[in-house]
Amino acid sequence: MVDSEGNAIDKNLSLPDEIQGSLDKNGIMIQNYGNAMNDYEKFTECGLKYISLIKVVK
């Protein structure tokens, strides 16, 4: 977790070593966890199955 300024609240927070996602012209889509046959979880603090990082153009 981060505070309102983007600084880590827990300095000992372990982050994933490797993240894979799908890249397109509008952003990145990350699958956060798998299923019964392929069990994994990237961001344990997040309950979302898919995380979208959307590019915003101003």
N, C-alpha and C. Protein backbone atom coordinates (compact mmCIF):
# COMPACT_ATOMS: atom_id res chain seq x y z
N MET A 1 0.84 -1.18 0.00
CA MET A 1 0.00 0.00 0.00
C MET A 1 0.88 1.24 0.00
N VAL A 2 0.35 2.30 -0.58
CA VAL A 2 1.06 3.57 -0.61
C VAL A 2 0.18 4.65 0.01
N ASP A 3 0.84 5.72 0.45
CA ASP A 3 0.08 6.84 1.01
C ASP A 3 -0.39 7.75 -0.12
N SER A 4 -1.00 8.86 0.23
CA SER A 4 -1.57 9.76 -0.79
C SER A 4 -0.50 10.40 -1.68
N GLU A 5 0.77 10.34 -1.27
CA GLU A 5 1.87 10.91 -2.07
C GLU A 5 2.61 9.84 -2.86
N GLY A 6 2.16 8.58 -2.77
CA GLY A 6 2.77 7.50 -3.53
C GLY A 6 3.94 6.83 -2.84
N ASN A 7 4.18 7.13 -1.57
CA ASN A 7 5.27 6.52 -0.82
C ASN A 7 4.77 5.24 -0.15
N ALA A 8 5.63 4.23 -0.10
CA ALA A 8 5.26 2.95 0.50
C ALA A 8 4.99 3.11 1.99
N ILE A 9 3.86 2.58 2.45
CA ILE A 9 3.52 2.63 3.87
C ILE A 9 4.34 1.58 4.62
N ASP A 10 4.41 0.38 4.08
CA ASP A 10 5.18 -0.70 4.68
C ASP A 10 6.49 -0.83 3.93
N LYS A 11 7.58 -0.45 4.54
CA LYS A 11 8.89 -0.47 3.88
C LYS A 11 9.39 -1.89 3.62
N ASN A 12 8.83 -2.89 4.33
CA ASN A 12 9.25 -4.28 4.17
C ASN A 12 8.31 -5.07 3.26
N LEU A 13 7.49 -4.39 2.49
CA LEU A 13 6.53 -5.03 1.61
C LEU A 13 7.26 -5.81 0.52
N SER A 14 6.91 -7.09 0.37
CA SER A 14 7.53 -7.89 -0.68
C SER A 14 6.73 -7.73 -1.97
N LEU A 15 7.42 -7.47 -3.04
CA LEU A 15 6.79 -7.28 -4.34
C LEU A 15 7.11 -8.47 -5.24
N PRO A 16 6.24 -8.77 -6.20
CA PRO A 16 6.51 -9.87 -7.12
C PRO A 16 7.79 -9.63 -7.92
N ASP A 17 8.51 -10.72 -8.21
CA ASP A 17 9.75 -10.63 -8.98
C ASP A 17 9.48 -10.45 -10.47
N GLU A 18 8.41 -11.05 -10.95
CA GLU A 18 8.13 -11.06 -12.39
C GLU A 18 6.64 -10.85 -12.62
N ILE A 19 6.31 -9.90 -13.46
CA ILE A 19 4.92 -9.63 -13.81
C ILE A 19 4.81 -9.73 -15.33
N GLN A 20 3.79 -10.42 -15.80
CA GLN A 20 3.52 -10.51 -17.23
C GLN A 20 2.15 -9.94 -17.49
N GLY A 21 1.99 -9.32 -18.64
CA GLY A 21 0.70 -8.75 -19.01
C GLY A 21 0.58 -8.64 -20.51
N SER A 22 -0.60 -8.22 -20.94
CA SER A 22 -0.86 -8.00 -22.36
C SER A 22 -0.80 -6.50 -22.63
N LEU A 23 -0.01 -6.13 -23.60
CA LEU A 23 0.19 -4.73 -23.95
C LEU A 23 -0.56 -4.41 -25.23
N ASP A 24 -1.31 -3.30 -25.24
CA ASP A 24 -1.90 -2.79 -26.47
C ASP A 24 -1.70 -1.28 -26.49
N LYS A 25 -2.26 -0.61 -27.46
CA LYS A 25 -2.00 0.83 -27.61
C LYS A 25 -2.60 1.67 -26.49
N ASN A 26 -3.56 1.12 -25.72
CA ASN A 26 -4.22 1.88 -24.67
C ASN A 26 -3.75 1.54 -23.26
N GLY A 27 -2.93 0.50 -23.09
CA GLY A 27 -2.47 0.16 -21.75
C GLY A 27 -2.00 -1.26 -21.60
N ILE A 28 -2.00 -1.73 -20.35
CA ILE A 28 -1.52 -3.07 -20.00
C ILE A 28 -2.59 -3.77 -19.16
N MET A 29 -2.83 -5.04 -19.44
CA MET A 29 -3.77 -5.87 -18.68
C MET A 29 -2.96 -6.98 -18.00
N ILE A 30 -3.08 -7.08 -16.66
CA ILE A 30 -2.36 -8.08 -15.88
C ILE A 30 -3.38 -9.04 -15.26
N GLN A 31 -3.14 -10.35 -15.38
CA GLN A 31 -3.98 -11.32 -14.68
C GLN A 31 -3.34 -11.55 -13.32
N ASN A 32 -4.05 -11.17 -12.28
CA ASN A 32 -3.51 -11.17 -10.92
C ASN A 32 -3.44 -12.56 -10.30
N TYR A 33 -4.40 -13.43 -10.57
CA TYR A 33 -4.34 -14.78 -10.01
C TYR A 33 -4.90 -15.79 -10.99
N GLY A 34 -4.54 -17.04 -10.77
CA GLY A 34 -4.92 -18.12 -11.69
C GLY A 34 -6.20 -18.83 -11.27
N ASN A 35 -6.21 -20.15 -11.47
CA ASN A 35 -7.39 -20.96 -11.17
C ASN A 35 -6.94 -22.24 -10.45
N ALA A 36 -7.84 -23.20 -10.32
CA ALA A 36 -7.52 -24.44 -9.60
C ALA A 36 -6.40 -25.23 -10.28
N MET A 37 -6.32 -25.18 -11.59
CA MET A 37 -5.29 -25.92 -12.32
C MET A 37 -3.95 -25.17 -12.35
N ASN A 38 -4.00 -23.86 -12.30
CA ASN A 38 -2.80 -23.03 -12.38
C ASN A 38 -2.89 -21.98 -11.26
N ASP A 39 -2.56 -22.40 -10.05
CA ASP A 39 -2.75 -21.56 -8.87
C ASP A 39 -1.55 -20.63 -8.66
N TYR A 40 -1.79 -19.33 -8.71
CA TYR A 40 -0.77 -18.32 -8.42
C TYR A 40 -1.48 -17.02 -8.06
N GLU A 41 -0.75 -16.13 -7.42
CA GLU A 41 -1.29 -14.81 -7.10
C GLU A 41 -0.13 -13.83 -7.11
N LYS A 42 -0.25 -12.74 -7.88
CA LYS A 42 0.82 -11.75 -8.01
C LYS A 42 0.76 -10.69 -6.92
N PHE A 43 -0.39 -10.06 -6.74
CA PHE A 43 -0.57 -9.01 -5.74
C PHE A 43 -1.59 -9.49 -4.72
N THR A 44 -1.12 -10.02 -3.59
CA THR A 44 -2.01 -10.63 -2.60
C THR A 44 -2.94 -9.61 -1.94
N GLU A 45 -2.57 -8.36 -1.89
CA GLU A 45 -3.41 -7.33 -1.27
C GLU A 45 -4.57 -6.90 -2.17
N CYS A 46 -4.55 -7.31 -3.43
CA CYS A 46 -5.57 -6.91 -4.40
C CYS A 46 -6.46 -8.11 -4.72
N GLY A 47 -7.76 -7.94 -4.57
CA GLY A 47 -8.69 -9.02 -4.84
C GLY A 47 -9.16 -9.12 -6.28
N LEU A 48 -8.69 -8.22 -7.14
CA LEU A 48 -9.12 -8.23 -8.54
C LEU A 48 -8.41 -9.33 -9.32
N LYS A 49 -9.15 -10.02 -10.18
CA LYS A 49 -8.53 -11.03 -11.04
C LYS A 49 -7.72 -10.37 -12.15
N TYR A 50 -8.24 -9.30 -12.73
CA TYR A 50 -7.54 -8.58 -13.79
C TYR A 50 -7.28 -7.15 -13.36
N ILE A 51 -6.06 -6.68 -13.58
CA ILE A 51 -5.68 -5.30 -13.27
C ILE A 51 -5.39 -4.61 -14.59
N SER A 52 -6.06 -3.48 -14.81
CA SER A 52 -5.88 -2.71 -16.04
C SER A 52 -5.10 -1.44 -15.74
N LEU A 53 -4.02 -1.24 -16.46
CA LEU A 53 -3.26 0.00 -16.39
C LEU A 53 -3.55 0.72 -17.70
N ILE A 54 -4.35 1.77 -17.62
CA ILE A 54 -4.85 2.44 -18.81
C ILE A 54 -4.05 3.72 -19.07
N LYS A 55 -3.59 3.86 -20.29
CA LYS A 55 -2.85 5.05 -20.69
C LYS A 55 -3.82 6.21 -20.87
N VAL A 56 -3.52 7.32 -20.21
CA VAL A 56 -4.34 8.52 -20.33
C VAL A 56 -3.53 9.58 -21.06
N VAL A 57 -4.09 10.08 -22.14
CA VAL A 57 -3.42 11.11 -22.94
C VAL A 57 -4.09 12.45 -22.64
N LYS A 58 -3.28 13.43 -22.28
CA LYS A 58 -3.82 14.76 -22.00
C LYS A 58 -3.40 15.75 -23.04
